[in-house]
Each structure stands twice: as C-alpha cells, then as structure tokens.
Amino acid sequence: MRNELATLNIVHAASPTAKHLTISMGARLATDGESSEELYRRVDSLLYQAKQAGRNHLTLG
C-alpha cells in the first residue's frame, strides 16, 4: 500500500514539510486467544512506533 500510494504522487497541500501523501502503518497477526481489544492496542502502539520512525514507515509486531 505504501508503494502504491507513493506512485500516485498526490500533492499534500496541507503539509508545510511533505510534498506528497505517504502512509505509516502498524501491522500484526492476531494470535489464538488474543482479544480484539488487545489486538487493537498492540496495532495502535505499532502505528505510533511507525510514525516516530518518520514518514512512510511500516512497523510489524
């Protein structure tokens, strides 16, 4: 998804620093017995790790 979005070269007019839209993501496979709330909490944490790493990152957990 990150690469496909980058190839579209969509101008990010609202950003003072970024020229084009990018996406940062956190991703994780659910484990047996893991509640949806726990999965959401962990993926949300991974998303913020990706954002802290800079623009256009994917963090897996």
PDB file of N, CA and C in Angstrom:
ATOM      1  N   MET A   1       0.817  -1.188   0.000  1.00  0.00           N
ATOM      2  CA  MET A   1       0.000   0.000   0.000  1.00  0.00           C
ATOM      3  C   MET A   1       0.864   1.257   0.000  1.00  0.00           C
ATOM      4  N   ARG A   2       1.944   1.213   0.795  1.00  0.00           N
ATOM      5  CA  ARG A   2       2.817   2.395   0.850  1.00  0.00           C
ATOM      6  C   ARG A   2       3.383   2.714  -0.525  1.00  0.00           C
ATOM      7  N   ASN A   3       3.866   1.705  -1.208  1.00  0.00           N
ATOM      8  CA  ASN A   3       4.465   1.920  -2.531  1.00  0.00           C
ATOM      9  C   ASN A   3       3.429   2.378  -3.553  1.00  0.00           C
ATOM     10  N   GLU A   4       2.250   1.781  -3.517  1.00  0.00           N
ATOM     11  CA  GLU A   4       1.195   2.171  -4.459  1.00  0.00           C
ATOM     12  C   GLU A   4       0.789   3.622  -4.249  1.00  0.00           C
ATOM     13  N   LEU A   5       0.639   4.031  -2.995  1.00  0.00           N
ATOM     14  CA  LEU A   5       0.291   5.416  -2.717  1.00  0.00           C
ATOM     15  C   LEU A   5       1.386   6.354  -3.207  1.00  0.00           C
ATOM     16  N   ALA A   6       2.634   5.986  -3.001  1.00  0.00           N
ATOM     17  CA  ALA A   6       3.750   6.828  -3.444  1.00  0.00           C
ATOM     18  C   ALA A   6       3.751   7.018  -4.962  1.00  0.00           C
ATOM     19  N   THR A   7       3.365   5.984  -5.699  1.00  0.00           N
ATOM     20  CA  THR A   7       3.377   6.104  -7.160  1.00  0.00           C
ATOM     21  C   THR A   7       2.293   7.045  -7.677  1.00  0.00           C
ATOM     22  N   LEU A   8       1.284   7.323  -6.855  1.00  0.00           N
ATOM     23  CA  LEU A   8       0.212   8.227  -7.279  1.00  0.00           C
ATOM     24  C   LEU A   8       0.636   9.697  -7.245  1.00  0.00           C
ATOM     25  N   ASN A   9       1.683  10.016  -6.478  1.00  0.00           N
ATOM     26  CA  ASN A   9       2.200  11.384  -6.370  1.00  0.00           C
ATOM     27  C   ASN A   9       1.102  12.406  -6.065  1.00  0.00           C
ATOM     28  N   ILE A  10       0.291  12.106  -5.067  1.00  0.00           N
ATOM     29  CA  ILE A  10      -0.785  13.012  -4.666  1.00  0.00           C
ATOM     30  C   ILE A  10      -0.171  14.151  -3.853  1.00  0.00           C
ATOM     31  N   VAL A  11      -0.378  15.366  -4.282  1.00  0.00           N
ATOM     32  CA  VAL A  11       0.179  16.529  -3.601  1.00  0.00           C
ATOM     33  C   VAL A  11      -0.473  16.685  -2.231  1.00  0.00           C
ATOM     34  N   HIS A  12       0.357  16.920  -1.224  1.00  0.00           N
ATOM     35  CA  HIS A  12      -0.120  17.126   0.147  1.00  0.00           C
ATOM     36  C   HIS A  12      -0.092  18.631   0.428  1.00  0.00           C
ATOM     37  N   ALA A  13      -1.112  19.318  -0.046  1.00  0.00           N
ATOM     38  CA  ALA A  13      -1.164  20.775   0.029  1.00  0.00           C
ATOM     39  C   ALA A  13      -1.235  21.296   1.453  1.00  0.00           C
ATOM     40  N   ALA A  14      -1.754  20.524   2.388  1.00  0.00           N
ATOM     41  CA  ALA A  14      -1.924  20.985   3.767  1.00  0.00           C
ATOM     42  C   ALA A  14      -0.663  20.854   4.607  1.00  0.00           C
ATOM     43  N   SER A  15       0.346  20.175   4.106  1.00  0.00           N
ATOM     44  CA  SER A  15       1.559  19.948   4.890  1.00  0.00           C
ATOM     45  C   SER A  15       2.627  20.977   4.557  1.00  0.00           C
ATOM     46  N   PRO A  16       3.225  21.592   5.593  1.00  0.00           N
ATOM     47  CA  PRO A  16       4.305  22.535   5.339  1.00  0.00           C
ATOM     48  C   PRO A  16       5.627  21.855   4.987  1.00  0.00           C
ATOM     49  N   THR A  17       5.754  20.546   5.253  1.00  0.00           N
ATOM     50  CA  THR A  17       7.023  19.851   5.015  1.00  0.00           C
ATOM     51  C   THR A  17       6.961  18.767   3.950  1.00  0.00           C
ATOM     52  N   ALA A  18       5.826  18.083   3.833  1.00  0.00           N
ATOM     53  CA  ALA A  18       5.719  16.966   2.895  1.00  0.00           C
ATOM     54  C   ALA A  18       5.177  17.445   1.553  1.00  0.00           C
ATOM     55  N   LYS A  19       5.775  16.971   0.495  1.00  0.00           N
ATOM     56  CA  LYS A  19       5.300  17.340  -0.845  1.00  0.00           C
ATOM     57  C   LYS A  19       4.170  16.433  -1.313  1.00  0.00           C
ATOM     58  N   HIS A  20       4.237  15.150  -0.942  1.00  0.00           N
ATOM     59  CA  HIS A  20       3.244  14.176  -1.404  1.00  0.00           C
ATOM     60  C   HIS A  20       2.739  13.344  -0.225  1.00  0.00           C
ATOM     61  N   LEU A  21       1.539  12.800  -0.388  1.00  0.00           N
ATOM     62  CA  LEU A  21       0.960  11.936   0.637  1.00  0.00           C
ATOM     63  C   LEU A  21       1.780  10.669   0.796  1.00  0.00           C
ATOM     64  N   THR A  22       1.942  10.262   2.044  1.00  0.00           N
ATOM     65  CA  THR A  22       2.554   8.975   2.381  1.00  0.00           C
ATOM     66  C   THR A  22       1.691   8.345   3.466  1.00  0.00           C
ATOM     67  N   ILE A  23       2.026   7.117   3.824  1.00  0.00           N
ATOM     68  CA  ILE A  23       1.261   6.427   4.865  1.00  0.00           C
ATOM     69  C   ILE A  23       2.233   5.681   5.773  1.00  0.00           C
ATOM     70  N   SER A  24       1.958   5.737   7.064  1.00  0.00           N
ATOM     71  CA  SER A  24       2.679   4.932   8.040  1.00  0.00           C
ATOM     72  C   SER A  24       1.676   3.972   8.653  1.00  0.00           C
ATOM     73  N   MET A  25       2.137   2.730   8.937  1.00  0.00           N
ATOM     74  CA  MET A  25       1.225   1.697   9.406  1.00  0.00           C
ATOM     75  C   MET A  25       1.870   0.818  10.463  1.00  0.00           C
ATOM     76  N   GLY A  26       1.032   0.244  11.302  1.00  0.00           N
ATOM     77  CA  GLY A  26       1.431  -0.825  12.201  1.00  0.00           C
ATOM     78  C   GLY A  26       0.623  -2.050  11.812  1.00  0.00           C
ATOM     79  N   ALA A  27       1.253  -3.218  11.814  1.00  0.00           N
ATOM     80  CA  ALA A  27       0.557  -4.445  11.413  1.00  0.00           C
ATOM     81  C   ALA A  27       0.971  -5.596  12.311  1.00  0.00           C
ATOM     82  N   ARG A  28       0.017  -6.473  12.540  1.00  0.00           N
ATOM     83  CA  ARG A  28       0.259  -7.626  13.411  1.00  0.00           C
ATOM     84  C   ARG A  28      -0.737  -8.722  13.061  1.00  0.00           C
ATOM     85  N   LEU A  29      -0.301  -9.968  13.148  1.00  0.00           N
ATOM     86  CA  LEU A  29      -1.209 -11.107  13.016  1.00  0.00           C
ATOM     87  C   LEU A  29      -1.774 -11.413  14.390  1.00  0.00           C
ATOM     88  N   ALA A  30      -3.070 -11.600  14.469  1.00  0.00           N
ATOM     89  CA  ALA A  30      -3.704 -11.945  15.739  1.00  0.00           C
ATOM     90  C   ALA A  30      -3.255 -13.338  16.163  1.00  0.00           C
ATOM     91  N   THR A  31      -3.083 -13.506  17.458  1.00  0.00           N
ATOM     92  CA  THR A  31      -2.717 -14.813  17.994  1.00  0.00           C
ATOM     93  C   THR A  31      -3.956 -15.471  18.595  1.00  0.00           C
ATOM     94  N   ASP A  32      -3.910 -16.789  18.721  1.00  0.00           N
ATOM     95  CA  ASP A  32      -5.029 -17.515  19.341  1.00  0.00           C
ATOM     96  C   ASP A  32      -5.254 -16.996  20.757  1.00  0.00           C
ATOM     97  N   GLY A  33      -6.487 -16.716  21.074  1.00  0.00           N
ATOM     98  CA  GLY A  33      -6.826 -16.257  22.402  1.00  0.00           C
ATOM     99  C   GLY A  33      -6.661 -14.767  22.620  1.00  0.00           C
ATOM    100  N   GLU A  34      -6.121 -14.055  21.646  1.00  0.00           N
ATOM    101  CA  GLU A  34      -5.941 -12.606  21.788  1.00  0.00           C
ATOM    102  C   GLU A  34      -7.271 -11.909  21.528  1.00  0.00           C
ATOM    103  N   SER A  35      -7.699 -11.080  22.450  1.00  0.00           N
ATOM    104  CA  SER A  35      -8.965 -10.377  22.274  1.00  0.00           C
ATOM    105  C   SER A  35      -8.821  -9.294  21.213  1.00  0.00           C
ATOM    106  N   SER A  36      -9.941  -8.883  20.664  1.00  0.00           N
ATOM    107  CA  SER A  36      -9.901  -7.808  19.669  1.00  0.00           C
ATOM    108  C   SER A  36      -9.386  -6.517  20.291  1.00  0.00           C
ATOM    109  N   GLU A  37      -9.690  -6.293  21.571  1.00  0.00           N
ATOM    110  CA  GLU A  37      -9.199  -5.100  22.256  1.00  0.00           C
ATOM    111  C   GLU A  37      -7.677  -5.120  22.388  1.00  0.00           C
ATOM    112  N   GLU A  38      -7.124  -6.290  22.726  1.00  0.00           N
ATOM    113  CA  GLU A  38      -5.664  -6.427  22.858  1.00  0.00           C
ATOM    114  C   GLU A  38      -4.991  -6.259  21.497  1.00  0.00           C
ATOM    115  N   LEU A  39      -5.559  -6.861  20.479  1.00  0.00           N
ATOM    116  CA  LEU A  39      -5.015  -6.705  19.127  1.00  0.00           C
ATOM    117  C   LEU A  39      -5.020  -5.234  18.723  1.00  0.00           C
ATOM    118  N   TYR A  40      -6.116  -4.552  18.952  1.00  0.00           N
ATOM    119  CA  TYR A  40      -6.205  -3.130  18.623  1.00  0.00           C
ATOM    120  C   TYR A  40      -5.147  -2.327  19.378  1.00  0.00           C
ATOM    121  N   ARG A  41      -4.982  -2.599  20.672  1.00  0.00           N
ATOM    122  CA  ARG A  41      -3.999  -1.865  21.489  1.00  0.00           C
ATOM    123  C   ARG A  41      -2.586  -2.065  20.952  1.00  0.00           C
ATOM    124  N   ARG A  42      -2.264  -3.305  20.594  1.00  0.00           N
ATOM    125  CA  ARG A  42      -0.918  -3.593  20.095  1.00  0.00           C
ATOM    126  C   ARG A  42      -0.672  -2.960  18.722  1.00  0.00           C
ATOM    127  N   VAL A  43      -1.659  -3.030  17.836  1.00  0.00           N
ATOM    128  CA  VAL A  43      -1.508  -2.434  16.499  1.00  0.00           C
ATOM    129  C   VAL A  43      -1.420  -0.914  16.610  1.00  0.00           C
ATOM    130  N   ASP A  44      -2.196  -0.332  17.519  1.00  0.00           N
ATOM    131  CA  ASP A  44      -2.135   1.115  17.732  1.00  0.00           C
ATOM    132  C   ASP A  44      -0.741   1.518  18.196  1.00  0.00           C
ATOM    133  N   SER A  45      -0.145   0.750  19.091  1.00  0.00           N
ATOM    134  CA  SER A  45       1.218   1.010  19.551  1.00  0.00           C
ATOM    135  C   SER A  45       2.212   0.906  18.394  1.00  0.00           C
ATOM    136  N   LEU A  46       2.040  -0.100  17.541  1.00  0.00           N
ATOM    137  CA  LEU A  46       2.914  -0.257  16.377  1.00  0.00           C
ATOM    138  C   LEU A  46       2.779   0.914  15.417  1.00  0.00           C
ATOM    139  N   LEU A  47       1.565   1.420  15.253  1.00  0.00           N
ATOM    140  CA  LEU A  47       1.347   2.578  14.397  1.00  0.00           C
ATOM    141  C   LEU A  47       2.140   3.776  14.913  1.00  0.00           C
ATOM    142  N   TYR A  48       2.086   4.028  16.215  1.00  0.00           N
ATOM    143  CA  TYR A  48       2.810   5.175  16.764  1.00  0.00           C
ATOM    144  C   TYR A  48       4.320   4.977  16.673  1.00  0.00           C
ATOM    145  N   GLN A  49       4.799   3.732  16.761  1.00  0.00           N
ATOM    146  CA  GLN A  49       6.221   3.472  16.541  1.00  0.00           C
ATOM    147  C   GLN A  49       6.600   3.813  15.099  1.00  0.00           C
ATOM    148  N   ALA A  50       5.740   3.456  14.156  1.00  0.00           N
ATOM    149  CA  ALA A  50       5.994   3.760  12.749  1.00  0.00           C
ATOM    150  C   ALA A  50       6.028   5.269  12.528  1.00  0.00           C
ATOM    151  N   LYS A  51       5.103   5.986  13.141  1.00  0.00           N
ATOM    152  CA  LYS A  51       5.063   7.440  12.998  1.00  0.00           C
ATOM    153  C   LYS A  51       6.313   8.084  13.586  1.00  0.00           C
ATOM    154  N   GLN A  52       6.800   7.564  14.706  1.00  0.00           N
ATOM    155  CA  GLN A  52       8.006   8.105  15.327  1.00  0.00           C
ATOM    156  C   GLN A  52       9.237   7.840  14.481  1.00  0.00           C
ATOM    157  N   ALA A  53       9.213   6.788  13.685  1.00  0.00           N
ATOM    158  CA  ALA A  53      10.343   6.449  12.824  1.00  0.00           C
ATOM    159  C   ALA A  53      10.451   7.400  11.630  1.00  0.00           C
ATOM    160  N   GLY A  54       9.409   8.142  11.357  1.00  0.00           N
ATOM    161  CA  GLY A  54       9.416   9.075  10.235  1.00  0.00           C
ATOM    162  C   GLY A  54       8.302   8.761   9.262  1.00  0.00           C
ATOM    163  N   ARG A  55       8.267   9.510   8.201  1.00  0.00           N
ATOM    164  CA  ARG A  55       7.210   9.352   7.210  1.00  0.00           C
ATOM    165  C   ARG A  55       7.358   8.040   6.442  1.00  0.00           C
ATOM    166  N   ASN A  56       6.201   7.474   6.077  1.00  0.00           N
ATOM    167  CA  ASN A  56       6.168   6.333   5.172  1.00  0.00           C
ATOM    168  C   ASN A  56       6.841   5.086   5.723  1.00  0.00           C
ATOM    169  N   HIS A  57       6.478   4.707   6.946  1.00  0.00           N
ATOM    170  CA  HIS A  57       7.076   3.530   7.588  1.00  0.00           C
ATOM    171  C   HIS A  57       6.010   2.477   7.889  1.00  0.00           C
ATOM    172  N   LEU A  58       6.469   1.241   7.981  1.00  0.00           N
ATOM    173  CA  LEU A  58       5.659   0.101   8.404  1.00  0.00           C
ATOM    174  C   LEU A  58       6.359  -0.562   9.573  1.00  0.00           C
ATOM    175  N   THR A  59       5.654  -0.739  10.673  1.00  0.00           N
ATOM    176  CA  THR A  59       6.206  -1.458  11.823  1.00  0.00           C
ATOM    177  C   THR A  59       5.380  -2.722  12.034  1.00  0.00           C
ATOM    178  N   LEU A  60       6.060  -3.854  12.075  1.00  0.00           N
ATOM    179  CA  LEU A  60       5.392  -5.145  12.262  1.00  0.00           C
ATOM    180  C   LEU A  60       5.581  -5.611  13.698  1.00  0.00           C
ATOM    181  N   GLY A  61       4.579  -6.294  14.216  1.00  0.00           N
ATOM    182  CA  GLY A  61       4.709  -6.784  15.586  1.00  0.00           C
ATOM    183  C   GLY A  61       4.106  -8.136  15.757  1.00  0.00           C
TER     184      GLY A  61
END
